Amino acid sequence: MLNVVAFPFWIVYTTLLSQKGWVSLAGQTPILVYVIGISIGTMAGLWVFVRAGRPLRYLLITQQHRFDRFMGLLFVGLSVFQSVSLIRYVT
């Protein structure tokens, strides 16, 4: 329910914006507007992910076998690369 990772992000981001002079948090009204803007921006960003996720979901469902094969080949390729790197390091 509570994203604790967001607190350090917004503390750093708010400090940066305040130092640049782009945001003034001198009173209660600017703080309220800033927090409401953060909330609306977050909801808008999540809405874009939801809308973009629907076509992607259908694409992945119809192409699941190709996606599985690609992921398998990717992991095999990475393991071969790691093995060659390890052999070069040891010798």
C-alpha atoms as a PDB file:
ATOM      1  CA  MET A   1       0.000   0.000   0.000  1.00  0.00           C
ATOM      2  CA  LEU A   2       2.910   2.343   0.677  1.00  0.00           C
ATOM      3  CA  ASN A   3       5.865   2.644  -1.662  1.00  0.00           C
ATOM      4  CA  VAL A   4       8.830   3.480   0.584  1.00  0.00           C
ATOM      5  CA  VAL A   5      11.194   3.666  -2.388  1.00  0.00           C
ATOM      6  CA  ALA A   6       9.344   6.748  -3.636  1.00  0.00           C
ATOM      7  CA  PHE A   7      10.243   8.825  -0.561  1.00  0.00           C
ATOM      8  CA  PRO A   8      13.993   9.179  -1.267  1.00  0.00           C
ATOM      9  CA  PHE A   9      13.247   9.771  -4.951  1.00  0.00           C
ATOM     10  CA  TRP A  10      10.845  12.625  -4.271  1.00  0.00           C
ATOM     11  CA  ILE A  11      13.032  14.116  -1.531  1.00  0.00           C
ATOM     12  CA  VAL A  12      15.987  14.306  -3.936  1.00  0.00           C
ATOM     13  CA  TYR A  13      13.802  15.465  -6.824  1.00  0.00           C
ATOM     14  CA  THR A  14      12.073  18.164  -4.749  1.00  0.00           C
ATOM     15  CA  THR A  15      15.407  19.395  -3.391  1.00  0.00           C
ATOM     16  CA  LEU A  16      16.800  19.621  -6.927  1.00  0.00           C
ATOM     17  CA  LEU A  17      13.770  21.515  -8.210  1.00  0.00           C
ATOM     18  CA  SER A  18      13.834  23.880  -5.233  1.00  0.00           C
ATOM     19  CA  GLN A  19      17.546  24.617  -5.687  1.00  0.00           C
ATOM     20  CA  LYS A  20      17.020  25.340  -9.382  1.00  0.00           C
ATOM     21  CA  GLY A  21      14.211  27.740  -8.458  1.00  0.00           C
ATOM     22  CA  TRP A  22      11.613  25.868 -10.486  1.00  0.00           C
ATOM     23  CA  VAL A  23       9.475  25.023  -7.436  1.00  0.00           C
ATOM     24  CA  SER A  24       8.798  27.200  -4.432  1.00  0.00           C
ATOM     25  CA  LEU A  25       7.454  25.401  -1.397  1.00  0.00           C
ATOM     26  CA  ALA A  26       7.195  28.498   0.793  1.00  0.00           C
ATOM     27  CA  GLY A  27       3.555  28.085   1.790  1.00  0.00           C
ATOM     28  CA  GLN A  28       0.795  25.562   2.223  1.00  0.00           C
ATOM     29  CA  THR A  29      -0.801  26.250  -1.171  1.00  0.00           C
ATOM     30  CA  PRO A  30       2.363  25.604  -3.249  1.00  0.00           C
ATOM     31  CA  ILE A  31       2.976  22.357  -1.345  1.00  0.00           C
ATOM     32  CA  LEU A  32      -0.614  21.244  -1.957  1.00  0.00           C
ATOM     33  CA  VAL A  33      -0.379  22.089  -5.666  1.00  0.00           C
ATOM     34  CA  TYR A  34       2.975  20.261  -5.905  1.00  0.00           C
ATOM     35  CA  VAL A  35       1.643  17.102  -4.231  1.00  0.00           C
ATOM     36  CA  ILE A  36      -1.540  17.122  -6.341  1.00  0.00           C
ATOM     37  CA  GLY A  37       0.622  17.562  -9.452  1.00  0.00           C
ATOM     38  CA  ILE A  38       2.757  14.593  -8.431  1.00  0.00           C
ATOM     39  CA  SER A  39      -0.383  12.485  -7.916  1.00  0.00           C
ATOM     40  CA  ILE A  40      -1.935  13.454 -11.242  1.00  0.00           C
ATOM     41  CA  GLY A  41       1.360  12.894 -13.073  1.00  0.00           C
ATOM     42  CA  THR A  42       1.766   9.468 -11.478  1.00  0.00           C
ATOM     43  CA  MET A  43      -1.765   8.455 -12.446  1.00  0.00           C
ATOM     44  CA  ALA A  44      -1.215   9.720 -16.006  1.00  0.00           C
ATOM     45  CA  GLY A  45       2.017   7.728 -16.290  1.00  0.00           C
ATOM     46  CA  LEU A  46       0.355   4.576 -14.974  1.00  0.00           C
ATOM     47  CA  TRP A  47      -2.558   5.086 -17.363  1.00  0.00           C
ATOM     48  CA  VAL A  48      -0.107   5.123 -20.293  1.00  0.00           C
ATOM     49  CA  PHE A  49       1.378   1.806 -19.092  1.00  0.00           C
ATOM     50  CA  VAL A  50      -2.093   0.270 -18.775  1.00  0.00           C
ATOM     51  CA  ARG A  51      -3.123   1.414 -22.248  1.00  0.00           C
ATOM     52  CA  ALA A  52       0.149   0.247 -23.810  1.00  0.00           C
ATOM     53  CA  GLY A  53      -0.012  -3.047 -21.929  1.00  0.00           C
ATOM     54  CA  ARG A  54      -3.235  -4.271 -23.510  1.00  0.00           C
ATOM     55  CA  PRO A  55      -1.907  -4.588 -27.081  1.00  0.00           C
ATOM     56  CA  LEU A  56       1.362  -5.948 -25.736  1.00  0.00           C
ATOM     57  CA  ARG A  57      -0.512  -8.628 -23.797  1.00  0.00           C
ATOM     58  CA  TYR A  58      -2.328  -9.795 -26.925  1.00  0.00           C
ATOM     59  CA  LEU A  59       0.921  -9.777 -28.891  1.00  0.00           C
ATOM     60  CA  LEU A  60       2.644 -11.904 -26.251  1.00  0.00           C
ATOM     61  CA  ILE A  61      -0.270 -14.340 -26.063  1.00  0.00           C
ATOM     62  CA  THR A  62      -0.284 -14.883 -29.819  1.00  0.00           C
ATOM     63  CA  GLN A  63       3.511 -15.072 -30.070  1.00  0.00           C
ATOM     64  CA  GLN A  64       4.225 -16.961 -26.832  1.00  0.00           C
ATOM     65  CA  HIS A  65       6.154 -19.821 -28.486  1.00  0.00           C
ATOM     66  CA  ARG A  66       8.460 -17.392 -30.301  1.00  0.00           C
ATOM     67  CA  PHE A  67       8.997 -15.389 -27.132  1.00  0.00           C
ATOM     68  CA  ASP A  68       9.853 -18.564 -25.180  1.00  0.00           C
ATOM     69  CA  ARG A  69      12.281 -19.659 -27.875  1.00  0.00           C
ATOM     70  CA  PHE A  70      13.930 -16.230 -27.950  1.00  0.00           C
ATOM     71  CA  MET A  71      14.348 -16.189 -24.161  1.00  0.00           C
ATOM     72  CA  GLY A  72      15.802 -19.707 -24.228  1.00  0.00           C
ATOM     73  CA  LEU A  73      18.298 -18.789 -26.936  1.00  0.00           C
ATOM     74  CA  LEU A  74      19.190 -15.603 -25.068  1.00  0.00           C
ATOM     75  CA  PHE A  75      19.984 -17.533 -21.885  1.00  0.00           C
ATOM     76  CA  VAL A  76      21.941 -20.206 -23.764  1.00  0.00           C
ATOM     77  CA  GLY A  77      23.923 -17.486 -25.524  1.00  0.00           C
ATOM     78  CA  LEU A  78      24.640 -15.711 -22.243  1.00  0.00           C
ATOM     79  CA  SER A  79      25.753 -18.961 -20.631  1.00  0.00           C
ATOM     80  CA  VAL A  80      28.116 -19.711 -23.534  1.00  0.00           C
ATOM     81  CA  PHE A  81      29.517 -16.180 -23.312  1.00  0.00           C
ATOM     82  CA  GLN A  82      29.988 -16.516 -19.544  1.00  0.00           C
ATOM     83  CA  SER A  83      31.668 -19.921 -19.969  1.00  0.00           C
ATOM     84  CA  VAL A  84      34.105 -18.574 -22.561  1.00  0.00           C
ATOM     85  CA  SER A  85      34.875 -15.585 -20.313  1.00  0.00           C
ATOM     86  CA  LEU A  86      35.482 -17.893 -17.357  1.00  0.00           C
ATOM     87  CA  ILE A  87      37.769 -20.178 -19.390  1.00  0.00           C
ATOM     88  CA  ARG A  88      39.790 -17.176 -20.620  1.00  0.00           C
ATOM     89  CA  TYR A  89      40.071 -15.862 -17.060  1.00  0.00           C
ATOM     90  CA  VAL A  90      41.264 -19.180 -15.627  1.00  0.00           C
ATOM     91  CA  THR A  91      43.886 -19.834 -18.332  1.00  0.00           C
END
